[in-house]
Protein backbone atom coordinates (compact mmCIF):
# COMPACT_ATOMS: atom_id res chain seq x y z
CA MET A 1 -6.97 -0.89 -33.29
CA GLU A 2 -7.91 0.34 -30.00
CA ALA A 3 -8.19 -2.01 -26.86
CA ASN A 4 -11.50 -2.93 -26.23
CA ILE A 5 -11.92 -1.29 -22.33
CA ALA A 6 -15.80 -2.44 -22.10
CA PHE A 7 -14.56 -5.87 -21.32
CA PRO A 8 -12.50 -5.11 -18.09
CA ALA A 9 -14.79 -2.45 -17.21
CA ALA A 10 -17.58 -4.96 -17.13
CA LEU A 11 -16.14 -7.51 -15.18
CA ILE A 12 -15.20 -5.23 -12.76
CA GLY A 13 -18.55 -3.35 -13.09
CA ASP A 14 -20.52 -6.25 -11.55
CA PRO A 15 -20.84 -5.16 -7.47
CA THR A 16 -20.13 -8.84 -6.33
CA ARG A 17 -17.05 -8.94 -8.93
CA ALA A 18 -16.13 -5.51 -7.40
CA ALA A 19 -16.43 -6.59 -3.73
CA ILE A 20 -14.26 -9.57 -4.45
CA LEU A 21 -11.75 -7.76 -6.48
CA MET A 22 -11.39 -4.96 -3.69
CA ALA A 23 -11.32 -8.00 -1.01
CA LEU A 24 -8.10 -8.99 -2.43
CA MET A 25 -6.24 -5.17 -2.38
CA ASP A 26 -4.10 -6.19 0.26
CA GLY A 27 -2.15 -8.80 -1.88
CA ARG A 28 -3.05 -11.67 0.04
CA ALA A 29 -4.58 -14.96 -1.77
CA GLN A 30 -8.15 -16.16 -0.27
CA PRO A 31 -10.20 -18.96 -0.43
CA ALA A 32 -13.43 -18.59 -2.20
CA SER A 33 -15.29 -19.41 0.61
CA ALA A 34 -13.48 -16.15 2.16
CA LEU A 35 -14.42 -14.14 -0.50
CA ALA A 36 -18.06 -15.40 -0.65
CA TYR A 37 -18.55 -14.33 2.80
CA MET A 38 -16.84 -10.71 2.15
CA ALA A 39 -19.31 -9.97 -0.95
CA ASN A 40 -22.17 -11.53 0.83
CA VAL A 41 -23.05 -14.28 -1.62
CA THR A 42 -23.56 -18.06 -1.71
CA PRO A 43 -20.28 -20.10 -2.62
CA GLN A 44 -22.31 -20.96 -5.95
CA SER A 45 -22.46 -17.67 -6.70
CA ALA A 46 -18.97 -16.64 -5.79
CA SER A 47 -17.77 -19.79 -7.95
CA ASN A 48 -19.48 -18.46 -10.84
CA HIS A 49 -17.97 -14.93 -10.81
CA LEU A 50 -14.20 -16.24 -9.67
CA ALA A 51 -14.52 -18.16 -12.81
CA LYS A 52 -15.21 -14.98 -15.07
CA LEU A 53 -12.69 -12.88 -13.31
CA MET A 54 -10.29 -15.59 -14.03
CA ASP A 55 -11.22 -16.00 -17.61
CA GLY A 56 -10.92 -12.27 -17.58
CA GLY A 57 -7.42 -12.05 -16.65
CA MET A 58 -8.25 -10.10 -12.91
CA LEU A 59 -7.18 -13.30 -10.89
CA THR A 60 -4.65 -15.82 -10.45
CA VAL A 61 -5.33 -19.39 -8.54
CA GLU A 62 -2.88 -21.38 -6.17
CA THR A 63 -3.48 -24.79 -5.07
CA GLN A 64 -2.28 -26.27 -2.25
CA GLY A 65 -3.78 -29.93 -1.61
CA ARG A 66 -7.67 -29.98 -2.17
CA HIS A 67 -7.79 -26.06 -1.50
CA ARG A 68 -7.70 -23.23 -3.89
CA TYR A 69 -6.61 -19.51 -3.08
CA TYR A 70 -7.06 -16.39 -5.36
CA ARG A 71 -5.33 -13.29 -6.06
CA LEU A 72 -5.21 -10.51 -8.06
CA ALA A 73 -3.33 -10.86 -11.22
CA SER A 74 -1.02 -8.36 -11.30
CA ALA A 75 0.04 -4.84 -9.29
CA GLU A 76 -1.29 -3.26 -12.41
CA ILE A 77 -4.75 -4.18 -11.46
CA ALA A 78 -4.80 -2.62 -8.17
CA THR A 79 -3.63 0.41 -9.73
CA VAL A 80 -6.63 0.22 -11.90
CA LEU A 81 -9.01 -0.58 -8.53
CA GLU A 82 -7.56 2.04 -6.71
CA ALA A 83 -7.95 4.72 -9.32
CA LEU A 84 -11.50 3.58 -9.51
CA ALA A 85 -11.69 4.18 -5.94
CA ASN A 86 -10.67 7.83 -6.53
CA LEU A 87 -13.79 8.17 -8.97
CA ALA A 88 -16.32 6.91 -7.12
CA PRO A 89 -18.51 9.23 -4.89
CA CYS A 90 -17.13 9.75 -1.74
CA THR A 91 -19.61 8.23 0.96
CA ARG A 92 -20.17 9.66 4.40
CA HIS A 93 -17.96 6.67 6.47
CA LEU A 94 -15.11 7.68 4.29
CA ARG A 95 -14.86 11.39 5.02
CA GLN A 96 -15.60 11.20 8.60
CA PRO A 97 -14.96 7.34 9.39
CA LEU A 98 -17.08 7.05 12.72
CA THR A 99 -16.60 3.34 13.39
CA PRO A 100 -13.53 1.89 14.92
CA LYS A 101 -13.17 -0.24 11.53
CA GLY A 102 -13.32 2.77 9.46
CA ARG A 103 -10.77 4.84 11.24
CA THR A 104 -8.34 1.94 11.10
CA LEU A 105 -8.51 1.82 7.37
CA ARG A 106 -8.10 5.23 7.13
CA PHE A 107 -4.99 6.05 9.35
CA ALA A 108 -2.94 3.04 7.88
CA ARG A 109 -3.73 0.27 5.10
CA SER A 110 -2.40 -1.97 2.71
CA CYS A 111 -2.54 -0.62 -0.95
CA TYR A 112 -2.09 -4.20 -2.58
CA ASP A 113 1.65 -4.31 -2.06
CA HIS A 114 2.51 -0.84 -0.31
CA LEU A 115 1.49 1.40 2.28
CA ALA A 116 -1.78 3.86 2.00
CA GLY A 117 -4.20 5.86 4.31
CA GLN A 118 -3.20 8.55 6.19
CA LEU A 119 0.22 7.43 7.57
CA GLY A 120 0.85 6.39 4.00
CA VAL A 121 0.49 9.78 2.66
CA ALA A 122 2.16 11.24 5.38
CA LEU A 123 5.28 9.07 5.01
CA ALA A 124 5.55 10.50 1.22
CA ALA A 125 5.10 13.98 1.88
CA ALA A 126 8.11 13.55 4.86
CA LEU A 127 9.74 12.00 2.17
CA GLU A 128 8.97 14.40 -0.61
CA GLN A 129 9.64 17.57 1.93
CA ARG A 130 13.00 16.19 2.82
CA ALA A 131 13.80 16.18 -0.91
CA LEU A 132 14.33 12.24 -0.91
CA ILE A 133 12.24 11.90 -3.47
CA THR A 134 10.59 14.36 -6.06
CA GLN A 135 8.03 14.42 -8.51
CA THR A 136 9.78 14.31 -11.88
CA ASP A 137 7.33 12.98 -14.37
CA GLN A 138 3.87 14.02 -13.59
CA PRO A 139 2.00 12.53 -16.39
CA ALA A 140 3.20 9.20 -15.65
CA LYS A 141 2.74 9.56 -11.83
CA ARG A 142 6.28 9.22 -10.71
CA TYR A 143 8.83 9.92 -8.19
CA GLY A 144 12.32 10.24 -8.73
CA LEU A 145 14.91 8.79 -5.64
CA THR A 146 17.22 11.70 -5.50
CA ALA A 147 20.99 10.91 -4.22
CA ALA A 148 19.77 11.63 -0.71
CA GLY A 149 17.24 9.48 -0.92
CA HIS A 150 19.64 6.59 -1.86
CA GLU A 151 21.05 6.56 1.18
CA TRP A 152 17.97 7.04 3.32
CA PHE A 153 16.48 3.95 1.89
CA GLY A 154 20.12 2.41 2.20
CA MET A 155 19.96 3.25 6.08
CA LEU A 156 16.99 1.14 6.22
CA ASN A 157 18.89 -2.05 4.38
CA ILE A 158 17.06 -1.28 1.08
CA ASP A 159 18.91 -1.67 -1.65
CA THR A 160 17.73 0.75 -4.70
CA THR A 161 19.96 -0.65 -7.21
CA VAL A 162 18.44 -4.13 -7.44
CA LYS A 163 14.81 -5.64 -8.74
CA HIS A 164 11.98 -6.63 -6.04
CA GLY A 165 10.00 -9.19 -6.60
CA GLY A 166 11.63 -9.67 -10.08
CA ARG A 167 10.27 -5.99 -10.91
CA THR A 168 12.56 -2.86 -11.52
CA LEU A 169 12.60 -0.49 -9.30
CA GLN A 170 10.20 1.96 -9.44
CA ALA A 171 8.43 4.89 -7.01
CA ARG A 172 5.03 5.70 -8.27
CA CYS A 173 2.73 8.69 -7.14
CA CYS A 174 -0.44 6.41 -6.19
CA LEU A 175 -3.33 8.70 -5.17
CA ASP A 176 -4.89 7.54 -2.07
CA TRP A 177 -8.70 7.26 -2.44
CA THR A 178 -9.89 8.52 1.27
CA GLU A 179 -7.11 11.40 1.69
CA ARG A 180 -7.19 12.23 -2.14
CA ARG A 181 -3.38 12.45 -1.78
CA TYR A 182 -0.38 10.97 -3.18
CA HIS A 183 1.27 7.96 -1.18
CA LEU A 184 4.43 6.16 -2.45
CA GLY A 185 3.78 3.35 -4.68
CA GLY A 186 5.40 1.01 -6.96
CA THR A 187 8.41 -1.52 -6.24
CA LEU A 188 9.86 0.93 -4.00
CA GLY A 189 7.03 1.73 -2.29
CA ALA A 190 6.38 -2.47 -2.16
CA ALA A 191 10.22 -2.73 -0.72
CA LEU A 192 9.55 -0.10 1.92
CA LEU A 193 6.36 -1.64 3.83
CA ALA A 194 8.34 -4.94 3.51
CA ARG A 195 11.12 -3.57 5.18
CA VAL A 196 9.12 -1.84 8.21
CA GLU A 197 7.01 -4.71 8.47
CA ALA A 198 10.01 -6.90 9.08
CA LEU A 199 11.37 -4.58 11.72
CA GLY A 200 8.61 -4.51 13.52
CA TRP A 201 7.38 -1.11 12.86
CA LEU A 202 4.13 -1.88 11.27
CA GLN A 203 1.47 -5.13 11.81
CA ARG A 204 -0.93 -6.35 9.13
CA ASN A 205 -4.00 -7.24 9.91
CA ARG A 206 -4.60 -10.96 9.14
CA GLU A 207 -8.45 -10.16 8.14
CA THR A 208 -8.57 -6.70 6.75
CA ARG A 209 -6.34 -4.34 4.69
CA ALA A 210 -5.71 -2.60 8.52
CA VAL A 211 -2.02 -1.85 8.87
CA GLN A 212 -0.91 -1.53 12.92
CA LEU A 213 1.28 1.05 13.75
CA THR A 214 3.73 -0.30 17.02
CA GLU A 215 5.38 1.50 19.19
CA LEU A 216 8.47 0.72 17.57
CA GLY A 217 7.22 1.94 14.43
CA MET A 218 6.33 5.19 16.18
CA ALA A 219 9.83 5.86 17.59
CA GLY A 220 11.25 4.66 13.98
CA PHE A 221 9.53 7.13 11.91
CA GLU A 222 10.04 10.12 14.05
CA ARG A 223 13.44 9.45 14.25
CA MET A 224 13.89 9.03 10.80
CA LEU A 225 11.71 11.43 9.33
CA GLY A 226 10.33 13.49 11.81
CA LEU A 227 6.50 12.18 11.91
CA ASP A 228 4.34 12.42 14.98
CA CYS A 229 2.54 9.69 14.58
CA ARG A 230 0.29 10.00 17.51
CA ALA A 231 -0.36 13.67 16.58
CA LEU A 232 -1.47 11.76 13.12
CA GLN A 233 -3.53 9.41 15.01
CA ALA A 234 -5.44 11.59 17.09
CA GLY A 235 -6.19 13.82 14.17
CA GLN A 236 -4.45 16.82 14.45
CA ALA A 237 -2.27 18.46 11.43
CA MET A 238 1.04 17.12 11.45
CA ALA A 239 3.85 18.39 9.70
CA PRO A 240 7.06 16.71 9.66
CA SER A 241 10.02 17.87 11.54
CA THR A 242 12.68 20.09 9.51
CA GLU A 243 15.40 18.53 11.46
CA VAL A 244 17.52 16.34 9.70
CA THR A 245 18.47 12.96 11.39
CA PRO A 246 21.91 12.35 11.09
CA ALA A 247 22.46 8.37 10.51
CA ALA A 248 24.34 7.97 13.84
CA ARG A 249 20.98 8.40 15.52
CA VAL A 250 19.11 5.55 14.05
CA GLY A 251 19.99 2.80 16.69
CA ARG A 252 18.51 -0.14 18.39
CA SER A 253 15.60 2.19 20.33
CA THR A 254 13.82 1.83 16.74
CA GLY A 255 14.56 -1.71 16.02
CA LEU A 256 17.34 -0.47 13.25
CA PRO A 257 20.88 -1.57 13.31
CA ARG A 258 23.53 1.35 12.83
CA PRO A 259 23.85 1.96 9.08
CA ALA A 260 25.99 -0.47 7.47
CA ALA A 261 27.87 -0.09 3.88
CA VAL A 262 25.39 -0.26 1.41
CA ASP A 263 25.91 -0.08 -2.67
CA VAL A 264 23.57 2.47 -3.93
């Protein structure tokens, strides 16, 4: 029996519901009032659309006192939305983002629970260039983690042998909807974003999907991967340094403790 893809497609295809779903792509929960504002509809209209998305399994809801907060039901739904964004016609502001908001979103943003945008793509490219990850299963669009990769993530105190958020660790090639190149998705991408946030290298915007790169992050990414983040922000061609940074050079200047023994 074939799956009825028309049902979820119809749910996503409505412009208002599509706007609500995209507003939740940063992985955070939002109240109905905020989603109504983001979708530019009345609270009553938003409530009807939220009910349909809940019935269709697209959203889950959390109740705190009198308040209800909605979020995407799973990472798989975020994957579908990101894939649809790649199929959608590319508008002028995505190719040439002229507004500060557009430039900020294109440079670095969250794709549900992992890093996307120019910085996310550059990070994945640097990991692949240094043979820390490799594309091993092209039909499934997954990265494989090499022995050197296990060691590199261990230096960040990311244990690659354990589950993240209850899910088995995996690295997915996620096609970036503005750059049309892969960034690092899956649970490994989520673990990496969570870790660099904890280190103070990146800071999330509370109102949008935008992610801010800090001075600490610029130093950290350059030291760990040779990324010239300033050149990337300036829109210049950026190639990671070919010099492999020894573990001993990872010190306090990046906010990262010197590597401790990590089981990998």
